[in-house]
Amino acid sequence: MDSKQLFRFYHSKFYLSNWLNEEGQLAQSEGDVKWFYCGVKEDFKSEIVNQLLNSFFSEDEVYLCISPNKSSLVQKSTVVDEISKILHKKELGVMDKSFTRIMEFTSYGVFKMGIIRDFPKNRIRPSGIPLKVAFHANIVDKNTEKVAAIVREHFRNIESELHKDYGGSMEHLWIDLELVGDKTWQFRFQERVNISTSYTEFYSYNVGHFSVRPNFEKLRTLSSEEEICSYVFGLLYQSTQLLEDKQKKLDGFNATAFRLDFLSACKKSGYTLTD
């Protein structure tokens, strides 16, 4: 790679990096990231940078990425001196030859260390990985906010009971309860979906996703928690019939076992549904 290509490549890896916390583990939020102070110009702490750089990078050569015209593979022993000369002017980065470790230095004299992750465009579901089920009732209005609050109390328990290996290609199943409007999402299977809520996992893979809309006229006649949950969970259970229809397309996903476990999970939550 020439200097311009390397600089662009560094930035592409920067956005695929997980930064480390105080314990050297993956930080779970921006506030959890460990920043080291090194200073600039005459206050530059070369001994701190040298110590951490040598312990973090095992190879004798690293990529020093300063600008599109000044990025290259250099001897690790020269990096600290180069950083001290340029740091007060601009941000720069250091990356190992295997593209697995990264350090970012800011122009005001602090730096952080991270691990570069590999997020392919698609992947085969790893054997034995349990299905991650998530029920959502996030969009409500004043007429349905009570319903959402009641059913959410049970969603986590049901999701936990369905956290099993059902085979096939699906790793995630997201089912939305539509409590506003008149639209529903038909079932769709996506190989990779962006995750905006996770600081460490940028994508979910092999995601099945659809939504269910209740009969709002009927919903308005229900007042007790028992009535609301029995109706909503029954509706959700009925909707999973489509998984049986798509078992072959999902490479043999065991929808029958999943639906039986759904009934069992609801029963454990105090609601007996009929098949």
Protein backbone atom coordinates (compact mmCIF):
# COMPACT_ATOMS: atom_id res chain seq x y z
CA MET A 1 0.00 0.00 0.00
CA ASP A 2 1.17 3.51 -0.74
CA SER A 3 0.86 6.25 1.88
CA LYS A 4 -2.61 7.39 0.83
CA GLN A 5 -3.99 3.84 0.73
CA LEU A 6 -2.48 3.07 4.12
CA PHE A 7 -3.97 6.19 5.69
CA ARG A 8 -7.42 5.30 4.36
CA PHE A 9 -6.99 1.71 5.48
CA TYR A 10 -6.04 2.84 8.98
CA HIS A 11 -9.23 4.87 9.27
CA SER A 12 -11.35 1.97 8.04
CA LYS A 13 -9.83 -0.19 10.80
CA PHE A 14 -10.19 2.61 13.35
CA TYR A 15 -13.98 2.45 12.99
CA LEU A 16 -13.90 -1.33 13.49
CA SER A 17 -11.93 -1.13 16.73
CA ASN A 18 -12.96 -1.85 20.30
CA TRP A 19 -11.09 0.28 22.81
CA LEU A 20 -9.68 -1.01 26.10
CA ASN A 21 -10.61 -0.04 29.64
CA GLU A 22 -8.55 0.31 32.81
CA GLU A 23 -8.25 -3.49 33.16
CA GLY A 24 -7.20 -4.02 29.54
CA GLN A 25 -10.59 -5.50 28.65
CA LEU A 26 -13.01 -4.27 25.99
CA ALA A 27 -14.65 -1.05 27.19
CA GLN A 28 -18.45 -1.25 27.22
CA SER A 29 -19.02 2.48 26.70
CA GLU A 30 -17.13 5.59 25.66
CA GLY A 31 -16.84 6.62 29.30
CA ASP A 32 -15.24 3.27 30.13
CA VAL A 33 -12.30 3.77 27.72
CA LYS A 34 -8.89 4.19 29.34
CA TRP A 35 -7.08 7.30 28.08
CA PHE A 36 -3.37 7.74 28.83
CA TYR A 37 -1.81 11.17 29.17
CA CYS A 38 1.46 11.70 27.30
CA GLY A 39 1.58 15.47 26.77
CA VAL A 40 2.95 17.40 23.79
CA LYS A 41 6.14 19.30 22.90
CA GLU A 42 8.40 19.70 25.96
CA ASP A 43 5.82 17.98 28.16
CA PHE A 44 5.78 14.83 26.02
CA LYS A 45 6.22 11.72 28.23
CA SER A 46 8.34 9.59 25.92
CA GLU A 47 9.01 6.93 28.57
CA ILE A 48 5.28 6.25 29.09
CA VAL A 49 4.60 6.01 25.36
CA ASN A 50 7.65 3.84 24.76
CA GLN A 51 6.76 1.42 27.57
CA LEU A 52 3.15 0.94 26.51
CA LEU A 53 3.92 0.83 22.80
CA ASN A 54 6.54 -1.90 23.28
CA SER A 55 4.31 -3.99 25.53
CA PHE A 56 1.28 -3.60 23.27
CA PHE A 57 2.93 -4.30 19.89
CA SER A 58 5.05 -7.45 19.64
CA GLU A 59 6.46 -6.89 16.13
CA ASP A 60 9.58 -4.86 15.35
CA GLU A 61 7.77 -2.84 12.69
CA VAL A 62 4.46 -1.00 12.91
CA TYR A 63 2.41 1.25 10.68
CA LEU A 64 2.61 4.91 11.61
CA CYS A 65 -0.32 6.80 10.11
CA ILE A 66 -0.04 10.58 10.20
CA SER A 67 -1.59 11.91 6.98
CA PRO A 68 -2.37 10.78 3.42
CA ASN A 69 1.14 11.77 2.42
CA LYS A 70 2.97 10.61 5.52
CA SER A 71 1.96 7.10 6.50
CA SER A 72 4.27 4.10 6.28
CA LEU A 73 5.71 0.97 7.85
CA VAL A 74 8.46 2.02 10.27
CA GLN A 75 10.74 0.52 12.88
CA LYS A 76 9.00 0.44 16.25
CA SER A 77 12.12 1.92 17.85
CA THR A 78 11.64 5.17 15.88
CA VAL A 79 7.93 5.66 16.51
CA VAL A 80 8.11 7.50 19.83
CA ASP A 81 10.48 10.11 18.39
CA GLU A 82 8.21 10.63 15.38
CA ILE A 83 5.17 11.01 17.62
CA SER A 84 6.90 13.61 19.80
CA LYS A 85 7.68 15.75 16.74
CA ILE A 86 4.20 15.79 15.25
CA LEU A 87 1.68 15.20 18.05
CA HIS A 88 1.00 18.86 18.87
CA LYS A 89 -0.01 19.46 15.25
CA LYS A 90 -2.42 16.63 14.48
CA GLU A 91 -3.87 13.27 15.47
CA LEU A 92 -2.03 10.12 14.45
CA GLY A 93 -2.34 6.38 14.75
CA VAL A 94 -0.19 3.29 15.13
CA MET A 95 -1.24 -0.13 13.90
CA ASP A 96 0.51 -3.52 13.90
CA LYS A 97 1.39 -5.45 10.74
CA SER A 98 -1.28 -8.07 11.37
CA PHE A 99 -3.98 -5.35 11.62
CA THR A 100 -5.19 -6.56 15.00
CA ARG A 101 -3.99 -3.83 17.40
CA ILE A 102 -4.25 -0.07 17.24
CA MET A 103 -3.30 3.06 19.19
CA GLU A 104 -4.79 6.51 18.57
CA PHE A 105 -3.04 9.70 19.70
CA THR A 106 -4.87 13.03 19.85
CA SER A 107 -3.25 16.39 19.17
CA TYR A 108 -3.75 17.47 22.79
CA GLY A 109 -1.59 14.69 24.22
CA VAL A 110 -3.70 11.70 25.19
CA PHE A 111 -3.97 8.27 23.60
CA LYS A 112 -5.96 5.05 23.81
CA MET A 113 -5.34 1.45 22.81
CA GLY A 114 -7.68 -0.95 21.08
CA ILE A 115 -8.31 -4.24 19.34
CA ILE A 116 -9.27 -4.25 15.66
CA ARG A 117 -12.27 -6.49 15.08
CA ASP A 118 -13.24 -8.43 11.98
CA PHE A 119 -16.88 -7.95 10.96
CA PRO A 120 -17.50 -9.87 7.73
CA LYS A 121 -20.44 -9.07 5.48
CA ASN A 122 -21.94 -12.48 6.24
CA ARG A 123 -21.18 -15.66 8.12
CA ILE A 124 -22.52 -19.15 8.73
CA ARG A 125 -24.20 -19.56 12.12
CA PRO A 126 -21.65 -21.23 14.42
CA SER A 127 -22.77 -24.70 15.43
CA GLY A 128 -24.26 -24.91 18.91
CA ILE A 129 -24.90 -21.17 19.25
CA PRO A 130 -28.25 -20.57 21.03
CA LEU A 131 -30.87 -18.47 19.30
CA LYS A 132 -31.13 -14.95 20.72
CA VAL A 133 -34.78 -13.94 20.80
CA ALA A 134 -35.87 -10.36 21.42
CA PHE A 135 -39.44 -9.07 21.75
CA HIS A 136 -40.01 -5.36 21.34
CA ALA A 137 -42.91 -3.05 22.13
CA ASN A 138 -41.09 0.24 21.79
CA ILE A 139 -43.47 2.48 19.86
CA VAL A 140 -46.66 3.32 21.74
CA ASP A 141 -49.21 6.05 22.21
CA LYS A 142 -51.32 7.06 25.21
CA ASN A 143 -53.81 4.30 24.42
CA THR A 144 -51.26 1.47 24.35
CA GLU A 145 -48.48 2.52 26.73
CA LYS A 146 -50.12 0.52 29.53
CA VAL A 147 -50.15 -2.61 27.37
CA ALA A 148 -46.46 -2.21 26.53
CA ALA A 149 -45.50 -1.71 30.19
CA ILE A 150 -47.37 -4.85 31.24
CA VAL A 151 -46.03 -7.24 28.59
CA ARG A 152 -42.45 -5.97 28.83
CA GLU A 153 -42.37 -7.23 32.42
CA HIS A 154 -42.50 -10.78 31.02
CA PHE A 155 -40.51 -10.45 27.81
CA ARG A 156 -37.09 -11.01 29.37
CA ASN A 157 -38.17 -14.25 31.06
CA ILE A 158 -39.67 -15.64 27.87
CA GLU A 159 -36.58 -14.64 25.88
CA SER A 160 -34.40 -16.44 28.40
CA GLU A 161 -36.44 -19.64 28.09
CA LEU A 162 -36.05 -19.53 24.30
CA HIS A 163 -32.28 -19.07 24.42
CA LYS A 164 -31.56 -22.50 22.94
CA ASP A 165 -30.02 -24.09 19.87
CA TYR A 166 -32.78 -24.78 17.35
CA GLY A 167 -30.42 -25.47 14.48
CA GLY A 168 -30.70 -23.88 11.06
CA SER A 169 -29.17 -20.61 9.94
CA MET A 170 -30.85 -18.09 12.26
CA GLU A 171 -28.84 -16.55 15.13
CA HIS A 172 -31.31 -13.82 16.12
CA LEU A 173 -35.09 -13.58 16.05
CA TRP A 174 -36.65 -10.15 16.59
CA ILE A 175 -40.43 -9.90 16.98
CA ASP A 176 -41.98 -6.44 17.24
CA LEU A 177 -45.39 -5.82 18.78
CA GLU A 178 -46.83 -2.93 16.77
CA LEU A 179 -48.90 -0.82 19.18
CA VAL A 180 -49.28 2.20 16.90
CA GLY A 181 -50.53 2.49 13.32
CA ASP A 182 -51.73 -0.11 10.86
CA LYS A 183 -48.54 -1.51 9.33
CA THR A 184 -46.66 -4.73 10.03
CA TRP A 185 -43.34 -6.08 8.80
CA GLN A 186 -43.45 -9.35 6.91
CA PHE A 187 -40.78 -11.87 7.90
CA ARG A 188 -37.38 -11.06 6.47
CA PHE A 189 -34.01 -12.71 6.95
CA GLN A 190 -30.94 -10.48 6.92
CA GLU A 191 -27.35 -11.71 6.87
CA ARG A 192 -26.03 -8.63 8.71
CA VAL A 193 -27.75 -5.80 10.58
CA ASN A 194 -26.15 -2.70 12.10
CA ILE A 195 -26.42 -2.42 15.90
CA SER A 196 -26.60 1.17 17.11
CA THR A 197 -27.01 0.27 20.79
CA SER A 198 -23.82 -1.77 21.33
CA TYR A 199 -20.41 -0.22 21.90
CA THR A 200 -18.52 -3.44 21.14
CA GLU A 201 -20.66 -5.47 18.73
CA PHE A 202 -21.32 -3.43 15.60
CA TYR A 203 -23.44 -6.00 13.76
CA SER A 204 -25.89 -8.83 14.36
CA TYR A 205 -25.73 -11.75 11.94
CA ASN A 206 -28.40 -14.01 10.48
CA VAL A 207 -31.37 -12.09 11.80
CA GLY A 208 -35.01 -13.09 11.37
CA HIS A 209 -37.35 -10.15 11.92
CA PHE A 210 -41.08 -9.56 11.69
CA SER A 211 -43.84 -7.70 13.49
CA VAL A 212 -47.29 -8.42 14.85
CA ARG A 213 -50.22 -6.03 15.09
CA PRO A 214 -53.04 -6.64 17.61
CA ASN A 215 -56.71 -5.94 17.08
CA PHE A 216 -56.92 -2.52 18.72
CA GLU A 217 -60.67 -2.73 19.19
CA LYS A 218 -60.23 -5.94 21.16
CA LEU A 219 -57.25 -4.55 23.04
CA ARG A 220 -59.35 -1.65 24.32
CA THR A 221 -61.76 -4.09 25.96
CA LEU A 222 -58.99 -5.68 28.05
CA SER A 223 -58.17 -4.13 31.39
CA SER A 224 -56.41 -6.63 33.66
CA GLU A 225 -52.82 -7.82 33.34
CA GLU A 226 -54.04 -11.39 32.92
CA GLU A 227 -56.34 -10.48 30.03
CA ILE A 228 -53.74 -8.35 28.27
CA CYS A 229 -50.91 -10.86 28.59
CA SER A 230 -53.05 -13.83 27.59
CA TYR A 231 -54.16 -12.00 24.46
CA VAL A 232 -50.76 -10.60 23.47
CA PHE A 233 -48.77 -13.77 24.17
CA GLY A 234 -51.37 -15.81 22.31
CA LEU A 235 -51.05 -13.43 19.37
CA LEU A 236 -47.26 -13.70 19.42
CA TYR A 237 -47.42 -17.47 19.62
CA GLN A 238 -49.81 -17.67 16.67
CA SER A 239 -47.48 -15.48 14.63
CA THR A 240 -44.62 -17.98 15.03
CA GLN A 241 -46.52 -20.39 12.80
CA LEU A 242 -44.75 -18.66 9.92
CA LEU A 243 -41.46 -20.12 11.19
CA GLU A 244 -42.76 -23.60 10.51
CA ASP A 245 -43.60 -22.52 6.99
CA LYS A 246 -40.04 -21.26 6.51
CA GLN A 247 -38.11 -24.11 8.13
CA LYS A 248 -36.52 -25.23 4.86
CA LYS A 249 -35.50 -21.69 3.90
CA LEU A 250 -33.91 -21.38 7.34
CA ASP A 251 -31.81 -24.51 6.74
CA GLY A 252 -33.83 -26.76 9.01
CA PHE A 253 -34.57 -24.42 11.89
CA ASN A 254 -36.62 -26.48 14.36
CA ALA A 255 -39.71 -24.29 14.53
CA THR A 256 -41.78 -27.06 16.15
CA ALA A 257 -39.45 -27.24 19.15
CA PHE A 258 -39.28 -23.45 19.30
CA ARG A 259 -43.08 -23.11 19.42
CA LEU A 260 -43.39 -25.78 22.12
CA ASP A 261 -40.78 -23.93 24.17
CA PHE A 262 -42.74 -20.71 23.62
CA LEU A 263 -45.82 -22.31 25.14
CA SER A 264 -43.76 -23.61 28.06
CA ALA A 265 -42.16 -20.21 28.63
CA CYS A 266 -45.55 -18.50 28.75
CA LYS A 267 -46.82 -21.13 31.17
CA LYS A 268 -43.85 -20.47 33.48
CA SER A 269 -44.81 -16.80 33.39
CA GLY A 270 -48.31 -17.75 34.50
CA TYR A 271 -50.11 -17.85 31.15
CA THR A 272 -51.32 -21.13 29.66
CA LEU A 273 -51.88 -20.85 25.93
CA THR A 274 -53.57 -23.38 23.69
CA ASP A 275 -51.95 -24.58 20.49
